[in-house]
Protein backbone atom coordinates (compact mmCIF):
# COMPACT_ATOMS: atom_id res chain seq x y z
CA MET A 1 27.62 5.44 5.25
CA SER A 2 30.88 6.20 3.48
CA GLN A 3 31.56 9.53 1.79
CA PHE A 4 31.61 9.53 -1.99
CA VAL A 5 32.31 12.11 -4.66
CA LEU A 6 30.43 12.41 -7.92
CA THR A 7 32.09 13.46 -11.12
CA ASP A 8 30.75 16.44 -13.06
CA LEU A 9 29.47 14.02 -15.71
CA ALA A 10 27.62 11.97 -13.08
CA LEU A 11 26.11 15.13 -11.58
CA ARG A 12 24.89 16.30 -15.01
CA ARG A 13 23.39 12.86 -15.63
CA LEU A 14 21.67 12.91 -12.23
CA ASP A 15 20.26 16.39 -12.98
CA SER A 16 18.81 15.01 -16.20
CA LEU A 17 17.44 11.86 -14.56
CA ALA A 18 15.87 13.87 -11.71
CA GLY A 19 14.03 15.97 -14.28
CA ASP A 20 12.92 12.83 -16.12
CA LEU A 21 11.69 11.35 -12.83
CA LEU A 22 9.65 14.45 -12.02
CA ASP A 23 8.14 14.43 -15.53
CA ALA A 24 7.25 10.72 -15.20
CA LYS A 25 5.61 11.30 -11.80
CA ALA A 26 3.56 14.18 -13.24
CA GLU A 27 2.49 12.01 -16.20
CA GLU A 28 1.62 9.20 -13.81
CA ASP A 29 -0.55 11.55 -11.72
CA ILE A 30 -2.36 12.79 -14.83
CA ALA A 31 -2.88 9.20 -16.02
CA ARG A 32 -4.21 8.14 -12.59
CA LYS A 33 -6.71 11.02 -12.52
CA ARG A 34 -7.79 10.19 -16.09
CA ARG A 35 -8.19 6.50 -15.20
CA ILE A 36 -10.34 7.33 -12.18
CA ALA A 37 -12.54 9.67 -14.23
CA ILE A 38 -13.05 6.94 -16.86
CA GLU A 39 -13.84 4.36 -14.15
CA GLU A 40 -16.47 6.72 -12.70
CA GLN A 41 -18.08 7.13 -16.13
CA ILE A 42 -18.16 3.36 -16.62
CA ALA A 43 -19.64 2.86 -13.14
CA ASP A 44 -22.39 5.36 -13.99
CA LEU A 45 -23.36 3.25 -17.02
CA VAL A 46 -23.36 -0.18 -15.33
CA PRO A 47 -25.86 -0.55 -12.49
CA THR A 48 -25.24 -2.95 -9.61
CA GLU A 49 -26.34 -3.38 -6.03
CA GLU A 50 -24.33 -1.32 -3.55
CA ARG A 51 -22.49 -4.55 -2.72
CA GLY A 52 -22.25 -6.61 -5.88
CA GLN A 53 -20.87 -6.88 -9.36
CA GLN A 54 -22.06 -6.86 -12.95
CA THR A 55 -20.19 -8.09 -16.02
CA VAL A 56 -20.91 -6.71 -19.48
CA SER A 57 -19.70 -8.38 -22.69
CA LEU A 58 -18.32 -5.93 -25.23
CA SER A 59 -17.32 -6.16 -28.86
CA GLY A 60 -14.01 -7.84 -29.54
CA GLY A 61 -14.55 -10.32 -26.73
CA TYR A 62 -13.86 -7.83 -23.96
CA LYS A 63 -15.63 -8.32 -20.67
CA LEU A 64 -16.08 -5.35 -18.38
CA THR A 65 -16.81 -6.03 -14.72
CA VAL A 66 -17.97 -3.36 -12.31
CA LYS A 67 -17.71 -4.25 -8.63
CA ARG A 68 -19.16 -2.21 -5.81
CA ASP A 69 -18.65 -2.73 -2.11
CA LEU A 70 -18.82 -0.82 1.13
CA SER A 71 -16.02 0.19 3.47
CA TYR A 72 -16.69 0.24 7.19
CA LYS A 73 -14.86 2.22 9.84
CA ALA A 74 -16.11 1.91 13.40
CA ASP A 75 -15.39 3.22 16.87
CA VAL A 76 -15.00 -0.24 18.40
CA GLU A 77 -14.84 0.97 21.99
CA ALA A 78 -18.05 2.99 21.59
CA ILE A 79 -19.84 0.00 20.04
CA CYS A 80 -18.78 -2.23 22.93
CA ALA A 81 -19.96 0.35 25.46
CA CYS A 82 -23.27 0.77 23.61
CA ALA A 83 -23.85 -2.99 23.42
CA ALA A 84 -23.07 -3.37 27.13
CA LYS A 85 -25.81 -0.85 27.96
CA CYS A 86 -28.53 -1.76 25.51
CA CYS A 87 -28.55 -5.42 24.63
CA GLU A 88 -27.89 -8.90 25.92
CA TYR A 89 -26.02 -10.04 22.79
CA PRO A 90 -22.31 -9.64 22.17
CA PRO A 91 -21.28 -6.64 20.09
CA PRO A 92 -20.43 -7.21 16.41
CA ILE A 93 -16.70 -6.92 17.06
CA LYS A 94 -14.00 -9.35 15.98
CA SER A 95 -10.93 -9.87 18.08
CA LYS A 96 -7.68 -11.15 16.67
CA THR A 97 -4.10 -11.66 17.71
CA THR A 98 -1.27 -11.44 15.26
CA HIS A 99 2.35 -12.50 15.52
CA GLU A 100 5.07 -10.92 13.45
CA LEU A 101 8.82 -10.59 13.55
CA ASP A 102 10.14 -7.85 15.82
CA VAL A 103 12.91 -6.59 13.54
CA ALA A 104 14.61 -4.53 16.27
CA GLY A 105 14.67 -7.60 18.54
CA TYR A 106 15.92 -9.77 15.70
CA GLU A 107 18.79 -7.37 15.00
CA TRP A 108 19.48 -7.21 18.76
CA TYR A 109 20.24 -10.94 18.64
CA ARG A 110 22.56 -10.35 15.67
CA GLU A 111 24.63 -7.87 17.71
CA ARG A 112 24.61 -9.56 21.12
CA TYR A 113 24.11 -13.29 20.53
CA PRO A 114 25.38 -14.24 17.05
CA ASP A 115 25.10 -17.97 17.80
CA VAL A 116 21.40 -17.69 18.64
CA PHE A 117 20.91 -15.28 15.75
CA SER A 118 22.30 -17.83 13.29
CA LEU A 119 19.67 -20.33 14.47
CA LEU A 120 16.87 -17.77 14.18
CA ALA A 121 18.10 -16.54 10.79
CA GLN A 122 17.38 -19.93 9.27
CA HIS A 123 13.69 -19.06 9.62
CA VAL A 124 13.78 -15.49 8.35
CA GLU A 125 13.85 -14.42 4.72
CA VAL A 126 15.42 -11.00 4.20
CA LYS A 127 15.37 -9.24 0.87
CA PRO A 128 15.97 -5.64 -0.14
CA LYS A 129 13.02 -3.33 -0.59
CA LYS A 130 12.55 -1.22 -3.68
CA VAL A 131 14.95 1.70 -3.55
CA ALA A 132 13.10 4.93 -2.75
CA ILE A 133 14.05 8.03 -4.72
CA THR A 134 12.74 11.45 -3.75
CA VAL A 135 13.23 14.65 -5.73
CA LYS A 136 12.37 17.88 -3.93
CA VAL A 137 11.50 20.72 -6.21
CA PRO A 138 12.83 24.10 -5.10
CA LYS A 139 10.12 26.67 -4.41
């Protein structure tokens, strides 16, 4: 990356913007906590099955839907070992194979084999990610 120099005006503006960013993040955190607390209150008032949903019609045409579901996390290896010992049926485990672009390998072609890379690049869409900005607050 090339070296650059900021003017005093740009530095003052960045100081101001960094403060604004920290304030916005704090407001966002407060708003998220408030939203979650409100959602919990609503969920307490609308009964559903542990896996299901209920919609309530409100004044003004609003419809409020509460959905509940369960999240599962399993020790797959332990389940397979258990099933192998105790039952004749296969364990309740899904197996899947995924294929995705190896970015390091893709870039390797760019550097070493540009002709092959140009053929591969016709099948790859590349777009910039959202710029990440971090402000560290001094202690």
